[in-house]
């Protein structure tokens, strides 16, 4: 098991977290000795193994690991990588659509994966980098098509379908995350 121990002045108690990459992070208060944190992990080994197995099953079922929760820290840590991914995918898919936009922003949105303004500005959730590639592609194409159709009319969905024929399935999948 890959276990990372992190001492924190903010932590009030010992905490074990199973991350989306199946790594284990043990956070412990600064007043606690690492030996106590290691003992705590040994006492909770059965819970850790059970939680890892549940996570593995979830990953196999959905094809992705559990996404990290939206957070300011997550935005700071992943904004640059997300912007690179989004720009790369926008350029790739725009080879087909040949549209123009103004700005691309990466944000920490709670309920939206992406948006396109009437002025041609894109906003994307930084957690796009944790999606399977096909879902990230669907999301990019979806927002790109809003440059031509600023609604969800049949014309809009026909545009999406030109490059993402199974968009209905992917849309459902994205909503269920």
C-alpha atoms as a PDB file:
ATOM      1  CA  UNK A   1       0.000   0.000   0.000  1.00  0.00           C
ATOM      2  CA  UNK A   2       1.203   3.464  -0.935  1.00  0.00           C
ATOM      3  CA  UNK A   3       0.611   5.615   2.158  1.00  0.00           C
ATOM      4  CA  UNK A   4       1.555   9.286   2.445  1.00  0.00           C
ATOM      5  CA  UNK A   5       1.715  10.830   5.915  1.00  0.00           C
ATOM      6  CA  UNK A   6       1.019  14.566   6.197  1.00  0.00           C
ATOM      7  CA  UNK A   7       1.441  16.506   9.400  1.00  0.00           C
ATOM      8  CA  UNK A   8      -0.911  19.492   9.596  1.00  0.00           C
ATOM      9  CA  UNK A   9      -1.196  22.343  12.061  1.00  0.00           C
ATOM     10  CA  UNK A  10      -4.868  22.669  11.056  1.00  0.00           C
ATOM     11  CA  UNK A  11      -5.732  18.997  11.692  1.00  0.00           C
ATOM     12  CA  UNK A  12      -7.546  18.351  14.948  1.00  0.00           C
ATOM     13  CA  UNK A  13      -7.628  14.566  14.619  1.00  0.00           C
ATOM     14  CA  UNK A  14      -6.133  11.702  12.628  1.00  0.00           C
ATOM     15  CA  UNK A  15      -7.747  11.208   9.226  1.00  0.00           C
ATOM     16  CA  UNK A  16      -7.328   8.613   6.483  1.00  0.00           C
ATOM     17  CA  UNK A  17      -8.320   9.567   2.924  1.00  0.00           C
ATOM     18  CA  UNK A  18      -8.496   7.302  -0.114  1.00  0.00           C
ATOM     19  CA  UNK A  19      -7.708   9.492  -3.130  1.00  0.00           C
ATOM     20  CA  UNK A  20      -9.051   9.107  -6.673  1.00  0.00           C
ATOM     21  CA  UNK A  21      -5.755   7.546  -7.808  1.00  0.00           C
ATOM     22  CA  UNK A  22      -6.171   4.925  -5.039  1.00  0.00           C
ATOM     23  CA  UNK A  23      -3.383   6.437  -2.953  1.00  0.00           C
ATOM     24  CA  UNK A  24      -3.842   6.748   0.786  1.00  0.00           C
ATOM     25  CA  UNK A  25      -3.189   9.987   2.663  1.00  0.00           C
ATOM     26  CA  UNK A  26      -2.991  10.039   6.441  1.00  0.00           C
ATOM     27  CA  UNK A  27      -3.289  13.525   7.922  1.00  0.00           C
ATOM     28  CA  UNK A  28      -2.336  13.975  11.553  1.00  0.00           C
ATOM     29  CA  UNK A  29      -2.135  16.963  13.934  1.00  0.00           C
ATOM     30  CA  UNK A  30       1.262  18.503  14.633  1.00  0.00           C
ATOM     31  CA  UNK A  31       0.948  17.550  18.316  1.00  0.00           C
ATOM     32  CA  UNK A  32       0.778  13.840  17.332  1.00  0.00           C
ATOM     33  CA  UNK A  33       3.912  11.751  16.783  1.00  0.00           C
ATOM     34  CA  UNK A  34       4.181   9.925  13.436  1.00  0.00           C
ATOM     35  CA  UNK A  35       4.493   6.612  15.323  1.00  0.00           C
ATOM     36  CA  UNK A  36       0.967   7.144  16.650  1.00  0.00           C
ATOM     37  CA  UNK A  37      -0.269   7.888  13.113  1.00  0.00           C
ATOM     38  CA  UNK A  38       1.361   4.660  11.859  1.00  0.00           C
ATOM     39  CA  UNK A  39      -0.243   2.689  14.713  1.00  0.00           C
ATOM     40  CA  UNK A  40      -3.610   4.243  13.799  1.00  0.00           C
ATOM     41  CA  UNK A  41      -3.164   3.063  10.180  1.00  0.00           C
ATOM     42  CA  UNK A  42      -2.364  -0.481  11.361  1.00  0.00           C
ATOM     43  CA  UNK A  43      -5.516  -0.502  13.497  1.00  0.00           C
ATOM     44  CA  UNK A  44      -7.593   0.680  10.519  1.00  0.00           C
ATOM     45  CA  UNK A  45      -5.973  -1.647   7.941  1.00  0.00           C
ATOM     46  CA  UNK A  46      -9.191  -3.668   7.419  1.00  0.00           C
ATOM     47  CA  UNK A  47     -11.183  -0.466   6.790  1.00  0.00           C
ATOM     48  CA  UNK A  48      -8.498   0.798   4.384  1.00  0.00           C
ATOM     49  CA  UNK A  49      -8.477  -2.447   2.373  1.00  0.00           C
ATOM     50  CA  UNK A  50     -12.283  -2.525   2.264  1.00  0.00           C
ATOM     51  CA  UNK A  51     -12.410   1.110   1.091  1.00  0.00           C
ATOM     52  CA  UNK A  52      -9.743   0.479  -1.562  1.00  0.00           C
ATOM     53  CA  UNK A  53     -11.706  -2.514  -2.892  1.00  0.00           C
ATOM     54  CA  UNK A  54     -14.910  -0.457  -3.082  1.00  0.00           C
ATOM     55  CA  UNK A  55     -13.058   2.295  -4.935  1.00  0.00           C
ATOM     56  CA  UNK A  56     -11.536  -0.201  -7.408  1.00  0.00           C
ATOM     57  CA  UNK A  57     -14.997  -1.628  -8.172  1.00  0.00           C
ATOM     58  CA  UNK A  58     -16.344   1.892  -8.716  1.00  0.00           C
ATOM     59  CA  UNK A  59     -13.464   2.692 -11.065  1.00  0.00           C
ATOM     60  CA  UNK A  60     -14.031  -0.494 -13.094  1.00  0.00           C
ATOM     61  CA  UNK A  61     -17.796   0.116 -13.301  1.00  0.00           C
ATOM     62  CA  UNK A  62     -17.654   3.753 -14.332  1.00  0.00           C
ATOM     63  CA  UNK A  63     -14.316   3.771 -16.082  1.00  0.00           C
ATOM     64  CA  UNK A  64     -13.156   6.616 -13.867  1.00  0.00           C
ATOM     65  CA  UNK A  65     -12.166   7.100 -10.294  1.00  0.00           C
ATOM     66  CA  UNK A  66     -14.116   9.296  -7.938  1.00  0.00           C
ATOM     67  CA  UNK A  67     -13.531  12.900  -8.843  1.00  0.00           C
ATOM     68  CA  UNK A  68     -11.982  15.144  -6.247  1.00  0.00           C
ATOM     69  CA  UNK A  69     -14.411  17.547  -4.614  1.00  0.00           C
ATOM     70  CA  UNK A  70     -14.424  21.086  -5.962  1.00  0.00           C
ATOM     71  CA  UNK A  71     -12.086  23.221  -3.901  1.00  0.00           C
ATOM     72  CA  UNK A  72     -10.037  26.397  -4.116  1.00  0.00           C
ATOM     73  CA  UNK A  73      -6.912  24.352  -3.450  1.00  0.00           C
ATOM     74  CA  UNK A  74      -7.833  21.961  -6.268  1.00  0.00           C
ATOM     75  CA  UNK A  75      -8.281  24.895  -8.623  1.00  0.00           C
ATOM     76  CA  UNK A  76      -4.885  26.351  -7.722  1.00  0.00           C
ATOM     77  CA  UNK A  77      -3.142  22.981  -8.099  1.00  0.00           C
ATOM     78  CA  UNK A  78      -4.804  21.991 -11.385  1.00  0.00           C
ATOM     79  CA  UNK A  79      -5.700  25.211 -13.219  1.00  0.00           C
ATOM     80  CA  UNK A  80      -2.636  25.282 -15.476  1.00  0.00           C
ATOM     81  CA  UNK A  81      -2.965  21.624 -16.488  1.00  0.00           C
ATOM     82  CA  UNK A  82      -6.700  22.054 -17.120  1.00  0.00           C
ATOM     83  CA  UNK A  83      -6.104  25.127 -19.292  1.00  0.00           C
ATOM     84  CA  UNK A  84      -3.533  23.246 -21.403  1.00  0.00           C
ATOM     85  CA  UNK A  85      -5.926  20.325 -21.870  1.00  0.00           C
ATOM     86  CA  UNK A  86      -8.889  22.551 -22.772  1.00  0.00           C
ATOM     87  CA  UNK A  87      -6.900  24.662 -25.249  1.00  0.00           C
ATOM     88  CA  UNK A  88      -5.457  21.557 -26.908  1.00  0.00           C
ATOM     89  CA  UNK A  89      -8.899  19.966 -27.260  1.00  0.00           C
ATOM     90  CA  UNK A  90     -10.547  23.197 -28.450  1.00  0.00           C
ATOM     91  CA  UNK A  91      -7.963  23.514 -31.231  1.00  0.00           C
ATOM     92  CA  UNK A  92      -8.345  19.844 -32.179  1.00  0.00           C
ATOM     93  CA  UNK A  93     -12.153  19.893 -32.395  1.00  0.00           C
ATOM     94  CA  UNK A  94     -12.221  23.328 -33.981  1.00  0.00           C
ATOM     95  CA  UNK A  95     -10.391  21.876 -36.997  1.00  0.00           C
ATOM     96  CA  UNK A  96     -13.822  20.488 -37.849  1.00  0.00           C
ATOM     97  CA  UNK A  97     -16.094  23.354 -36.730  1.00  0.00           C
ATOM     98  CA  UNK A  98     -13.872  26.323 -37.668  1.00  0.00           C
ATOM     99  CA  UNK A  99     -15.342  28.733 -35.099  1.00  0.00           C
ATOM    100  CA  UNK A 100     -13.788  31.617 -33.166  1.00  0.00           C
ATOM    101  CA  UNK A 101     -13.895  32.442 -29.469  1.00  0.00           C
ATOM    102  CA  UNK A 102     -12.374  35.106 -27.242  1.00  0.00           C
ATOM    103  CA  UNK A 103     -11.240  33.779 -23.871  1.00  0.00           C
ATOM    104  CA  UNK A 104     -10.937  30.487 -22.044  1.00  0.00           C
ATOM    105  CA  UNK A 105     -11.151  30.463 -18.242  1.00  0.00           C
ATOM    106  CA  UNK A 106     -10.726  27.628 -15.790  1.00  0.00           C
ATOM    107  CA  UNK A 107     -12.873  27.934 -12.678  1.00  0.00           C
ATOM    108  CA  UNK A 108     -13.972  26.090  -9.576  1.00  0.00           C
ATOM    109  CA  UNK A 109     -17.664  25.696 -10.382  1.00  0.00           C
ATOM    110  CA  UNK A 110     -19.892  23.594  -8.165  1.00  0.00           C
ATOM    111  CA  UNK A 111     -22.652  22.636 -10.608  1.00  0.00           C
ATOM    112  CA  UNK A 112     -21.371  23.198 -14.149  1.00  0.00           C
ATOM    113  CA  UNK A 113     -18.724  21.495 -16.225  1.00  0.00           C
ATOM    114  CA  UNK A 114     -18.582  24.304 -18.750  1.00  0.00           C
ATOM    115  CA  UNK A 115     -20.305  27.322 -20.212  1.00  0.00           C
ATOM    116  CA  UNK A 116     -20.128  29.578 -23.246  1.00  0.00           C
ATOM    117  CA  UNK A 117     -21.135  33.238 -23.083  1.00  0.00           C
ATOM    118  CA  UNK A 118     -22.775  35.226 -25.866  1.00  0.00           C
ATOM    119  CA  UNK A 119     -19.495  37.148 -26.144  1.00  0.00           C
ATOM    120  CA  UNK A 120     -17.661  33.940 -27.057  1.00  0.00           C
ATOM    121  CA  UNK A 121     -15.969  33.275 -23.727  1.00  0.00           C
ATOM    122  CA  UNK A 122     -15.586  29.744 -22.389  1.00  0.00           C
ATOM    123  CA  UNK A 123     -15.534  28.704 -18.742  1.00  0.00           C
ATOM    124  CA  UNK A 124     -14.551  25.157 -17.791  1.00  0.00           C
ATOM    125  CA  UNK A 125     -14.407  23.373 -14.469  1.00  0.00           C
ATOM    126  CA  UNK A 126     -10.814  22.495 -13.529  1.00  0.00           C
ATOM    127  CA  UNK A 127     -11.941  18.926 -12.777  1.00  0.00           C
ATOM    128  CA  UNK A 128     -12.175  18.276 -16.540  1.00  0.00           C
ATOM    129  CA  UNK A 129      -8.644  16.857 -16.234  1.00  0.00           C
ATOM    130  CA  UNK A 130     -10.002  14.001 -14.101  1.00  0.00           C
ATOM    131  CA  UNK A 131     -12.619  12.928 -16.660  1.00  0.00           C
ATOM    132  CA  UNK A 132     -12.106  10.095 -19.127  1.00  0.00           C
ATOM    133  CA  UNK A 133     -10.924  11.566 -22.423  1.00  0.00           C
ATOM    134  CA  UNK A 134     -14.176  10.822 -24.273  1.00  0.00           C
ATOM    135  CA  UNK A 135     -16.193  12.797 -21.681  1.00  0.00           C
ATOM    136  CA  UNK A 136     -13.751  15.715 -21.836  1.00  0.00           C
ATOM    137  CA  UNK A 137     -14.086  15.651 -25.644  1.00  0.00           C
ATOM    138  CA  UNK A 138     -17.885  15.665 -25.403  1.00  0.00           C
ATOM    139  CA  UNK A 139     -17.760  18.599 -22.987  1.00  0.00           C
ATOM    140  CA  UNK A 140     -15.441  20.608 -25.259  1.00  0.00           C
ATOM    141  CA  UNK A 141     -17.547  19.918 -28.366  1.00  0.00           C
ATOM    142  CA  UNK A 142     -20.733  20.774 -26.462  1.00  0.00           C
ATOM    143  CA  UNK A 143     -19.427  24.217 -25.487  1.00  0.00           C
ATOM    144  CA  UNK A 144     -17.814  24.792 -28.893  1.00  0.00           C
ATOM    145  CA  UNK A 145     -21.178  24.194 -30.595  1.00  0.00           C
ATOM    146  CA  UNK A 146     -22.727  26.914 -28.421  1.00  0.00           C
ATOM    147  CA  UNK A 147     -20.715  29.433 -30.439  1.00  0.00           C
ATOM    148  CA  UNK A 148     -23.030  28.603 -33.345  1.00  0.00           C
ATOM    149  CA  UNK A 149     -26.231  27.744 -31.430  1.00  0.00           C
ATOM    150  CA  UNK A 150     -26.652  29.439 -28.033  1.00  0.00           C
ATOM    151  CA  UNK A 151     -29.354  27.001 -26.970  1.00  0.00           C
ATOM    152  CA  UNK A 152     -30.104  23.281 -26.807  1.00  0.00           C
ATOM    153  CA  UNK A 153     -32.299  23.141 -29.901  1.00  0.00           C
ATOM    154  CA  UNK A 154     -32.316  20.249 -32.364  1.00  0.00           C
ATOM    155  CA  UNK A 155     -29.888  22.269 -34.538  1.00  0.00           C
ATOM    156  CA  UNK A 156     -27.477  22.438 -31.606  1.00  0.00           C
ATOM    157  CA  UNK A 157     -27.619  18.674 -30.986  1.00  0.00           C
ATOM    158  CA  UNK A 158     -27.164  17.991 -34.709  1.00  0.00           C
ATOM    159  CA  UNK A 159     -23.939  20.029 -34.559  1.00  0.00           C
ATOM    160  CA  UNK A 160     -22.703  18.043 -31.557  1.00  0.00           C
ATOM    161  CA  UNK A 161     -23.660  14.754 -33.217  1.00  0.00           C
ATOM    162  CA  UNK A 162     -21.486  15.517 -36.250  1.00  0.00           C
ATOM    163  CA  UNK A 163     -18.349  14.776 -34.221  1.00  0.00           C
ATOM    164  CA  UNK A 164     -19.725  12.985 -31.138  1.00  0.00           C
ATOM    165  CA  UNK A 165     -22.336  10.524 -32.480  1.00  0.00           C
ATOM    166  CA  UNK A 166     -22.945   8.892 -29.077  1.00  0.00           C
ATOM    167  CA  UNK A 167     -23.406  12.256 -27.322  1.00  0.00           C
ATOM    168  CA  UNK A 168     -26.664  11.131 -25.625  1.00  0.00           C
ATOM    169  CA  UNK A 169     -24.902   8.341 -23.758  1.00  0.00           C
ATOM    170  CA  UNK A 170     -21.986  10.606 -22.830  1.00  0.00           C
ATOM    171  CA  UNK A 171     -24.324  13.371 -21.680  1.00  0.00           C
ATOM    172  CA  UNK A 172     -26.085  10.939 -19.324  1.00  0.00           C
ATOM    173  CA  UNK A 173     -22.746   9.669 -18.059  1.00  0.00           C
ATOM    174  CA  UNK A 174     -21.496  13.187 -17.329  1.00  0.00           C
ATOM    175  CA  UNK A 175     -24.713  14.044 -15.477  1.00  0.00           C
ATOM    176  CA  UNK A 176     -24.276  10.965 -13.276  1.00  0.00           C
ATOM    177  CA  UNK A 177     -20.823  11.954 -12.061  1.00  0.00           C
END
